[in-house]
Amino acid sequence: MTTLLQHALGADWARLPPALRLHYSPGASRDVGHMDIEYPRGMQPVLWLLARLGALVSRRGQAVSTTVEKSVAGARMHWHRTLRYADGRVQRFNSVWEAGPTGHLIEFVNPWLGLQMQPRVVGQQLHYRGVRFVCRVGARMLGIPEWLVLGHTTIVETALDDHHFAMDFRMTHPILGQLFRYAGQFRAEAQGGDAGDEGGPESGGDGPVPDRAAPAGASPKSSGTSASASKTMPSSPRPAAS
């Protein structure tokens, strides 16, 4: 089975380290770990509204226990994110990936609103560059410049070993600066039997997220938090311009 990401990356798929190939295994898979969520206080009403539309989460937190479950149905990949806060509150953020123009993906947070992204492999990392927001109206796809909404989206995913990876998602407005960020570390677990077909190792059961050194260019603590519950949001390498 060829995954949406494999189709978008083409030959560069083979350059992905094992942990990231496992993260994007065909069929059912999940990631288990912790995330930090941060944003300016003034963004609270905006994020509250966006959460009602199905986008992002509307509560800050550190070392928030997070599970991401993924499944494939036809030409779509479904993402189900569950964040469990220390006080017992739960927030969920679901989305659906679809193929975009050649080399691109579109992540929809509801039937009409999505983000078009371009992935690329950079060393041991996978970088995503936001291209534009889109609004689906019937068979038409209307483009919305990033600066008109929350700004430019970047995602950096870094392999830590054969099963663990760090991720860093940011939205940065050209005038207002960084408006939203979540980052963390996860263990990738393939729940189907296809992981080996894609070159990724088989995974077994839950395990602690390793405390590893940050990628080059980051602060000594890696992007996001580890299972040791680091309380400081670190810096992360900025994606290279495409």
Protein backbone atom coordinates (compact mmCIF):
# COMPACT_ATOMS: atom_id res chain seq x y z
CA MET A 1 0.00 0.00 0.00
CA THR A 2 1.36 3.44 -0.96
CA THR A 3 0.67 6.06 1.68
CA LEU A 4 -0.31 9.66 0.94
CA LEU A 5 3.01 10.89 2.29
CA GLN A 6 4.94 8.33 0.25
CA HIS A 7 3.12 9.51 -2.86
CA ALA A 8 3.88 13.17 -2.04
CA LEU A 9 7.57 12.56 -1.31
CA GLY A 10 8.21 10.21 -4.23
CA ALA A 11 11.77 8.84 -4.19
CA ASP A 12 12.59 10.85 -1.04
CA TRP A 13 10.37 8.49 0.99
CA ALA A 14 13.32 6.06 1.09
CA ARG A 15 15.42 8.75 2.84
CA LEU A 16 13.10 8.90 5.86
CA PRO A 17 14.59 7.33 9.00
CA PRO A 18 12.78 4.23 10.39
CA ALA A 19 10.90 6.06 13.16
CA LEU A 20 9.25 8.42 10.68
CA ARG A 21 8.38 5.63 8.25
CA LEU A 22 6.80 3.82 11.21
CA HIS A 23 4.94 7.03 12.13
CA TYR A 24 3.39 7.03 8.65
CA SER A 25 2.76 3.29 8.39
CA PRO A 26 -0.03 2.19 6.03
CA GLY A 27 -3.16 0.97 7.75
CA ALA A 28 -3.78 1.61 11.45
CA SER A 29 -1.08 3.10 13.68
CA ARG A 30 -0.76 5.29 16.72
CA ASP A 31 1.69 7.60 18.46
CA VAL A 32 1.90 7.85 22.26
CA GLY A 33 3.71 10.62 24.09
CA HIS A 34 3.48 14.09 25.60
CA MET A 35 3.11 17.61 24.22
CA ASP A 36 3.47 21.21 25.34
CA ILE A 37 0.93 23.70 23.98
CA GLU A 38 1.57 27.44 24.07
CA TYR A 39 0.04 30.60 22.58
CA PRO A 40 -0.39 34.28 23.53
CA ARG A 41 -3.21 35.08 25.95
CA GLY A 42 -4.91 37.22 23.33
CA MET A 43 -5.33 34.16 21.09
CA GLN A 44 -7.70 32.44 23.53
CA PRO A 45 -10.99 33.65 21.95
CA VAL A 46 -9.69 32.85 18.45
CA LEU A 47 -8.61 29.33 19.44
CA TRP A 48 -11.89 28.74 21.25
CA LEU A 49 -13.70 29.53 17.98
CA LEU A 50 -11.30 27.46 15.87
CA ALA A 51 -11.72 24.48 18.20
CA ARG A 52 -15.48 24.65 17.58
CA LEU A 53 -14.71 24.45 13.86
CA GLY A 54 -12.52 21.40 14.47
CA ALA A 55 -9.10 23.09 14.32
CA LEU A 56 -6.31 22.92 16.91
CA VAL A 57 -6.83 22.91 20.68
CA SER A 58 -7.85 25.77 22.96
CA ARG A 59 -5.99 25.09 26.20
CA ARG A 60 -2.34 25.56 27.14
CA GLY A 61 -0.44 22.83 28.92
CA GLN A 62 2.92 21.23 29.60
CA ALA A 63 3.73 17.54 29.31
CA VAL A 64 0.13 16.85 28.26
CA SER A 65 -0.41 13.12 27.72
CA THR A 66 -1.25 12.73 24.02
CA THR A 67 -2.32 9.83 21.82
CA VAL A 68 -2.63 10.11 18.04
CA GLU A 69 -4.51 7.31 16.29
CA LYS A 70 -4.35 7.07 12.49
CA SER A 71 -6.26 4.99 9.98
CA VAL A 72 -6.62 4.88 6.22
CA ALA A 73 -9.94 4.72 4.41
CA GLY A 74 -9.72 4.77 0.62
CA ALA A 75 -7.64 7.76 -0.47
CA ARG A 76 -7.86 9.48 2.92
CA MET A 77 -5.86 9.26 6.13
CA HIS A 78 -7.75 9.98 9.36
CA TRP A 79 -6.00 11.46 12.42
CA HIS A 80 -7.60 11.30 15.89
CA ARG A 81 -5.70 13.23 18.57
CA THR A 82 -6.59 12.94 22.26
CA LEU A 83 -4.95 15.24 24.82
CA ARG A 84 -5.43 14.40 28.51
CA TYR A 85 -4.52 17.19 30.93
CA ALA A 86 -3.27 16.69 34.47
CA ASP A 87 -6.64 17.79 35.95
CA GLY A 88 -8.50 15.13 33.96
CA ARG A 89 -9.85 17.38 31.23
CA VAL A 90 -9.68 16.03 27.69
CA GLN A 91 -9.47 17.83 24.35
CA ARG A 92 -9.68 16.17 20.95
CA PHE A 93 -8.49 17.36 17.57
CA ASN A 94 -9.33 15.30 14.48
CA SER A 95 -8.43 15.85 10.84
CA VAL A 96 -8.33 14.12 7.48
CA TRP A 97 -5.50 14.11 4.96
CA GLU A 98 -6.15 14.11 1.23
CA ALA A 99 -3.83 14.30 -1.75
CA GLY A 100 -3.21 17.79 -3.08
CA PRO A 101 -1.39 18.99 -6.19
CA THR A 102 1.76 17.03 -7.05
CA GLY A 103 4.04 16.84 -4.03
CA HIS A 104 1.46 18.42 -1.70
CA LEU A 105 -1.02 17.25 0.95
CA ILE A 106 -4.19 18.90 2.26
CA GLU A 107 -5.25 18.45 5.88
CA PHE A 108 -8.96 19.12 6.44
CA VAL A 109 -10.23 19.91 9.93
CA ASN A 110 -13.85 19.81 8.76
CA PRO A 111 -15.53 19.10 5.39
CA TRP A 112 -14.66 22.51 3.93
CA LEU A 113 -11.63 24.04 5.72
CA GLY A 114 -8.09 22.75 5.20
CA LEU A 115 -4.37 23.53 5.05
CA GLN A 116 -2.30 22.72 1.97
CA MET A 117 1.24 21.63 2.86
CA GLN A 118 4.41 20.63 1.05
CA PRO A 119 6.58 17.97 2.78
CA ARG A 120 10.30 17.51 2.23
CA VAL A 121 13.04 15.39 3.78
CA VAL A 122 15.94 17.31 5.35
CA GLY A 123 18.58 15.01 6.84
CA GLN A 124 16.96 12.99 9.64
CA GLN A 125 13.98 15.34 9.66
CA LEU A 126 10.70 15.70 7.80
CA HIS A 127 9.71 19.33 7.19
CA TYR A 128 6.27 20.59 6.21
CA ARG A 129 5.78 24.03 4.71
CA GLY A 130 2.33 25.58 4.76
CA VAL A 131 1.35 26.73 1.25
CA ARG A 132 -2.12 28.17 1.78
CA PHE A 133 -5.40 27.55 3.56
CA VAL A 134 -8.20 26.20 1.38
CA CYS A 135 -11.96 26.33 1.48
CA ARG A 136 -13.81 23.59 -0.39
CA VAL A 137 -17.03 24.77 -1.99
CA GLY A 138 -18.63 21.90 -3.87
CA ALA A 139 -16.09 20.73 -6.44
CA ARG A 140 -14.07 23.96 -6.20
CA MET A 141 -11.07 24.59 -3.93
CA LEU A 142 -10.66 28.25 -3.01
CA GLY A 143 -7.21 29.35 -1.81
CA ILE A 144 -6.78 31.63 1.23
CA PRO A 145 -3.34 33.25 1.81
CA GLU A 146 -1.78 32.20 5.11
CA TRP A 147 -1.18 35.78 6.23
CA LEU A 148 -4.93 36.48 6.09
CA VAL A 149 -5.54 33.88 8.81
CA LEU A 150 -3.01 32.68 11.42
CA GLY A 151 0.16 33.06 9.40
CA HIS A 152 2.71 30.61 8.03
CA THR A 153 2.62 26.99 9.21
CA THR A 154 5.78 24.96 9.76
CA ILE A 155 6.12 21.42 11.09
CA VAL A 156 9.42 19.69 11.86
CA GLU A 157 9.51 15.99 12.76
CA THR A 158 12.84 14.54 13.92
CA ALA A 159 13.72 10.85 14.38
CA LEU A 160 15.22 10.14 17.81
CA ASP A 161 15.78 6.40 17.37
CA ASP A 162 14.05 3.59 15.43
CA HIS A 163 10.74 4.03 17.27
CA HIS A 164 10.66 7.56 18.72
CA PHE A 165 10.38 10.99 17.13
CA ALA A 166 9.95 14.63 18.13
CA MET A 167 7.56 17.02 16.44
CA ASP A 168 7.22 20.81 16.47
CA PHE A 169 4.20 22.58 14.94
CA ARG A 170 4.14 26.38 14.70
CA MET A 171 1.95 29.08 13.20
CA THR A 172 3.77 32.39 12.78
CA HIS A 173 2.15 35.58 11.47
CA PRO A 174 4.40 38.01 9.53
CA ILE A 175 3.28 40.93 11.73
CA LEU A 176 1.94 39.41 14.97
CA GLY A 177 4.67 36.79 15.39
CA GLN A 178 4.16 33.26 16.70
CA LEU A 179 0.46 32.71 17.41
CA PHE A 180 0.38 28.99 18.22
CA ARG A 181 2.76 26.16 18.93
CA TYR A 182 2.61 22.61 20.11
CA ALA A 183 5.58 20.30 20.36
CA GLY A 184 6.40 16.96 21.92
CA GLN A 185 7.96 13.53 21.67
CA PHE A 186 6.23 10.28 20.75
CA ARG A 187 6.67 6.55 20.34
CA ALA A 188 5.34 5.37 16.96
CA GLU A 189 3.43 2.09 17.01
CA ALA A 190 2.24 0.23 13.90
CA GLN A 191 -0.99 -1.62 14.74
CA GLY A 192 -1.30 -3.36 11.38
CA GLY A 193 1.03 -5.81 9.72
CA ASP A 194 2.26 -3.56 6.91
CA ALA A 195 5.02 -1.61 8.65
CA GLY A 196 7.72 -3.92 7.43
CA ASP A 197 6.58 -3.48 3.83
CA GLU A 198 7.40 0.22 4.10
CA GLY A 199 10.85 -0.33 5.56
CA GLY A 200 9.88 0.49 9.17
CA PRO A 201 10.44 -1.77 12.17
CA GLU A 202 7.63 -3.55 13.92
CA SER A 203 6.69 -1.91 17.18
CA GLY A 204 5.46 -3.47 20.33
CA GLY A 205 3.50 -1.98 23.19
CA ASP A 206 3.81 1.29 25.03
CA GLY A 207 7.25 2.44 26.05
CA PRO A 208 8.84 5.50 27.61
CA VAL A 209 9.72 8.38 25.36
CA PRO A 210 13.52 8.65 25.42
CA ASP A 211 15.27 11.71 26.80
CA ARG A 212 17.44 12.50 23.81
CA ALA A 213 19.56 15.43 22.75
CA ALA A 214 17.81 18.02 20.59
CA PRO A 215 18.47 18.18 16.84
CA ALA A 216 21.20 20.54 15.70
CA GLY A 217 20.11 24.13 16.09
CA ALA A 218 17.69 23.41 18.95
CA SER A 219 18.17 24.08 22.64
CA PRO A 220 19.63 21.33 24.87
CA LYS A 221 16.13 20.05 25.61
CA SER A 222 14.56 18.53 22.53
CA SER A 223 11.47 19.89 20.84
CA GLY A 224 8.50 19.34 23.09
CA THR A 225 8.67 17.24 26.26
CA SER A 226 9.80 13.79 27.17
CA ALA A 227 8.22 11.27 29.50
CA SER A 228 10.31 12.85 32.24
CA ALA A 229 7.92 15.79 31.87
CA SER A 230 10.27 18.61 31.00
CA LYS A 231 8.46 21.85 31.72
CA THR A 232 10.21 24.19 29.27
CA MET A 233 9.16 24.68 25.69
CA PRO A 234 12.41 24.46 23.70
CA SER A 235 13.50 26.12 20.55
CA SER A 236 13.29 24.08 17.37
CA PRO A 237 15.13 24.23 14.07
CA ARG A 238 13.29 26.25 11.51
CA PRO A 239 12.44 24.40 8.30
CA ALA A 240 14.57 25.21 5.35
CA ALA A 241 12.87 27.30 2.73
CA SER A 242 11.51 25.29 -0.14
